[in-house]
Amino acid sequence: MEVSDDGVTWERVGHVPPADTDVTTDVDLTPFAGRLIDLRFAFDAVPGIGVAPDGWPVDDIRVLVVRR
């Protein structure tokens, strides 16, 4: 996952490892608190490992605010 606060510069903040089942990943967005941000998810097919999948389903995204 990547984050941007200007739509031009993107910072990688998370990585989802390859898996054959659903994967849950937590990403700390604290450094971006108080700013309007864009999130994007990039699918990178790895050549040479056989037939690459046609896509990558991303769903059930939640952004939680934890007050301390």
N, C-alpha and C. Protein backbone atom coordinates (compact mmCIF):
# COMPACT_ATOMS: atom_id res chain seq x y z
N MET A 1 0.85 -1.17 0.00
CA MET A 1 0.00 0.00 0.00
C MET A 1 0.90 1.23 0.00
N GLU A 2 0.42 2.25 -0.69
CA GLU A 2 1.15 3.51 -0.76
C GLU A 2 0.24 4.65 -0.33
N VAL A 3 0.85 5.71 0.20
CA VAL A 3 0.13 6.87 0.70
C VAL A 3 0.71 8.13 0.06
N SER A 4 -0.18 9.08 -0.27
CA SER A 4 0.25 10.37 -0.80
C SER A 4 -0.62 11.46 -0.20
N ASP A 5 -0.01 12.60 0.05
CA ASP A 5 -0.81 13.75 0.50
C ASP A 5 -0.86 14.84 -0.57
N ASP A 6 -0.24 14.55 -1.75
CA ASP A 6 -0.31 15.52 -2.84
C ASP A 6 -0.70 14.88 -4.18
N GLY A 7 -0.86 13.55 -4.21
CA GLY A 7 -1.23 12.86 -5.44
C GLY A 7 -0.10 12.70 -6.44
N VAL A 8 1.08 13.18 -6.10
CA VAL A 8 2.23 13.10 -6.99
C VAL A 8 3.32 12.21 -6.38
N THR A 9 3.65 12.47 -5.13
CA THR A 9 4.68 11.73 -4.42
C THR A 9 4.02 10.65 -3.58
N TRP A 10 4.47 9.40 -3.76
CA TRP A 10 3.88 8.27 -3.05
C TRP A 10 4.91 7.61 -2.16
N GLU A 11 4.48 7.22 -0.97
CA GLU A 11 5.35 6.54 -0.02
C GLU A 11 4.79 5.16 0.29
N ARG A 12 5.62 4.14 0.14
CA ARG A 12 5.17 2.78 0.46
C ARG A 12 5.12 2.64 1.98
N VAL A 13 3.95 2.23 2.48
CA VAL A 13 3.77 2.08 3.92
C VAL A 13 3.40 0.66 4.33
N GLY A 14 3.14 -0.20 3.37
CA GLY A 14 2.77 -1.57 3.70
C GLY A 14 3.01 -2.50 2.54
N HIS A 15 3.08 -3.78 2.86
CA HIS A 15 3.31 -4.81 1.86
C HIS A 15 2.46 -6.02 2.22
N VAL A 16 1.80 -6.57 1.23
CA VAL A 16 1.00 -7.78 1.44
C VAL A 16 1.76 -8.93 0.80
N PRO A 17 2.18 -9.90 1.60
CA PRO A 17 2.94 -11.01 1.04
C PRO A 17 2.06 -11.91 0.17
N PRO A 18 2.66 -12.60 -0.79
CA PRO A 18 1.89 -13.53 -1.62
C PRO A 18 1.24 -14.61 -0.75
N ALA A 19 0.01 -14.95 -1.06
CA ALA A 19 -0.70 -15.98 -0.29
C ALA A 19 -1.81 -16.57 -1.14
N ASP A 20 -2.20 -17.78 -0.81
CA ASP A 20 -3.30 -18.44 -1.51
C ASP A 20 -4.63 -18.25 -0.79
N THR A 21 -4.59 -17.60 0.36
CA THR A 21 -5.80 -17.35 1.15
C THR A 21 -5.88 -15.88 1.50
N ASP A 22 -6.97 -15.49 2.16
CA ASP A 22 -7.12 -14.10 2.59
C ASP A 22 -6.01 -13.72 3.56
N VAL A 23 -5.55 -12.48 3.45
CA VAL A 23 -4.48 -11.98 4.31
C VAL A 23 -4.96 -10.69 4.96
N THR A 24 -4.72 -10.56 6.25
CA THR A 24 -5.02 -9.33 6.97
C THR A 24 -3.71 -8.61 7.23
N THR A 25 -3.67 -7.34 6.89
CA THR A 25 -2.46 -6.55 7.08
C THR A 25 -2.81 -5.27 7.82
N ASP A 26 -2.02 -4.93 8.83
CA ASP A 26 -2.20 -3.67 9.56
C ASP A 26 -1.09 -2.71 9.13
N VAL A 27 -1.48 -1.45 8.93
CA VAL A 27 -0.52 -0.42 8.54
C VAL A 27 -0.72 0.77 9.46
N ASP A 28 0.35 1.27 10.04
CA ASP A 28 0.29 2.43 10.93
C ASP A 28 0.36 3.71 10.10
N LEU A 29 -0.73 4.47 10.10
CA LEU A 29 -0.78 5.72 9.34
C LEU A 29 -0.59 6.94 10.25
N THR A 30 -0.09 6.73 11.46
CA THR A 30 0.12 7.82 12.41
C THR A 30 0.92 8.98 11.83
N PRO A 31 1.96 8.71 11.02
CA PRO A 31 2.72 9.85 10.47
C PRO A 31 1.88 10.78 9.59
N PHE A 32 0.70 10.35 9.17
CA PHE A 32 -0.14 11.16 8.29
C PHE A 32 -1.34 11.75 9.03
N ALA A 33 -1.38 11.62 10.34
CA ALA A 33 -2.50 12.12 11.14
C ALA A 33 -2.73 13.61 10.90
N GLY A 34 -3.98 13.98 10.72
CA GLY A 34 -4.35 15.37 10.51
C GLY A 34 -4.26 15.84 9.08
N ARG A 35 -3.82 14.97 8.18
CA ARG A 35 -3.71 15.35 6.76
C ARG A 35 -4.70 14.54 5.94
N LEU A 36 -5.17 15.13 4.85
CA LEU A 36 -6.00 14.42 3.89
C LEU A 36 -5.06 13.62 3.00
N ILE A 37 -5.28 12.30 2.92
CA ILE A 37 -4.37 11.44 2.16
C ILE A 37 -5.13 10.59 1.15
N ASP A 38 -4.41 10.12 0.16
CA ASP A 38 -4.89 9.13 -0.80
C ASP A 38 -4.16 7.83 -0.50
N LEU A 39 -4.88 6.73 -0.63
CA LEU A 39 -4.29 5.40 -0.51
C LEU A 39 -4.36 4.72 -1.86
N ARG A 40 -3.34 3.97 -2.21
CA ARG A 40 -3.42 3.18 -3.43
C ARG A 40 -2.78 1.82 -3.19
N PHE A 41 -3.28 0.87 -3.94
CA PHE A 41 -2.82 -0.50 -3.85
C PHE A 41 -2.30 -0.90 -5.23
N ALA A 42 -1.09 -1.41 -5.29
CA ALA A 42 -0.48 -1.77 -6.57
C ALA A 42 -0.26 -3.28 -6.62
N PHE A 43 -0.65 -3.89 -7.71
CA PHE A 43 -0.44 -5.31 -7.93
C PHE A 43 0.77 -5.48 -8.82
N ASP A 44 1.74 -6.24 -8.37
CA ASP A 44 2.97 -6.45 -9.12
C ASP A 44 3.13 -7.94 -9.42
N ALA A 45 2.80 -8.34 -10.64
CA ALA A 45 2.95 -9.73 -11.03
C ALA A 45 4.43 -10.08 -11.12
N VAL A 46 4.78 -11.25 -10.65
CA VAL A 46 6.17 -11.67 -10.66
C VAL A 46 6.40 -12.60 -11.85
N PRO A 47 7.19 -12.18 -12.83
CA PRO A 47 7.43 -13.03 -13.99
C PRO A 47 8.26 -14.26 -13.62
N GLY A 48 8.05 -15.34 -14.37
CA GLY A 48 8.86 -16.52 -14.18
C GLY A 48 8.34 -17.51 -13.16
N ILE A 49 7.15 -17.26 -12.59
CA ILE A 49 6.63 -18.21 -11.61
C ILE A 49 5.42 -18.96 -12.14
N GLY A 50 5.28 -19.02 -13.44
CA GLY A 50 4.11 -19.68 -14.03
C GLY A 50 3.11 -18.65 -14.50
N VAL A 51 1.85 -19.01 -14.45
CA VAL A 51 0.79 -18.13 -14.91
C VAL A 51 0.46 -17.11 -13.81
N ALA A 52 0.61 -15.86 -14.13
CA ALA A 52 0.30 -14.81 -13.15
C ALA A 52 -1.21 -14.63 -13.07
N PRO A 53 -1.73 -14.35 -11.88
CA PRO A 53 -3.16 -14.10 -11.75
C PRO A 53 -3.57 -12.83 -12.51
N ASP A 54 -4.85 -12.76 -12.87
CA ASP A 54 -5.35 -11.61 -13.63
C ASP A 54 -5.53 -10.37 -12.77
N GLY A 55 -5.55 -10.53 -11.49
CA GLY A 55 -5.77 -9.37 -10.63
C GLY A 55 -5.61 -9.74 -9.17
N TRP A 56 -5.99 -8.79 -8.36
CA TRP A 56 -5.80 -8.94 -6.92
C TRP A 56 -6.98 -8.28 -6.24
N PRO A 57 -7.86 -9.08 -5.62
CA PRO A 57 -9.02 -8.48 -4.96
C PRO A 57 -8.62 -7.80 -3.65
N VAL A 58 -8.99 -6.56 -3.50
CA VAL A 58 -8.76 -5.81 -2.27
C VAL A 58 -10.13 -5.42 -1.76
N ASP A 59 -10.46 -5.86 -0.54
CA ASP A 59 -11.77 -5.50 0.02
C ASP A 59 -11.69 -5.42 1.53
N ASP A 60 -12.80 -5.01 2.10
CA ASP A 60 -12.91 -4.89 3.56
C ASP A 60 -11.81 -4.01 4.15
N ILE A 61 -11.60 -2.86 3.54
CA ILE A 61 -10.59 -1.91 4.04
C ILE A 61 -11.23 -1.08 5.14
N ARG A 62 -10.53 -1.00 6.26
CA ARG A 62 -11.00 -0.20 7.39
C ARG A 62 -9.89 0.72 7.85
N VAL A 63 -10.25 1.95 8.14
CA VAL A 63 -9.31 2.90 8.73
C VAL A 63 -9.85 3.20 10.13
N LEU A 64 -9.07 2.85 11.12
CA LEU A 64 -9.49 3.04 12.50
C LEU A 64 -8.69 4.16 13.13
N VAL A 65 -9.37 4.98 13.91
CA VAL A 65 -8.70 6.04 14.67
C VAL A 65 -8.58 5.53 16.10
N VAL A 66 -7.35 5.43 16.56
CA VAL A 66 -7.09 4.97 17.93
C VAL A 66 -6.63 6.17 18.73
N ARG A 67 -7.40 6.53 19.71
CA ARG A 67 -7.04 7.69 20.56
C ARG A 67 -6.30 7.18 21.78
N ARG A 68 -5.20 7.81 22.07
CA ARG A 68 -4.39 7.41 23.22
C ARG A 68 -4.35 8.48 24.26
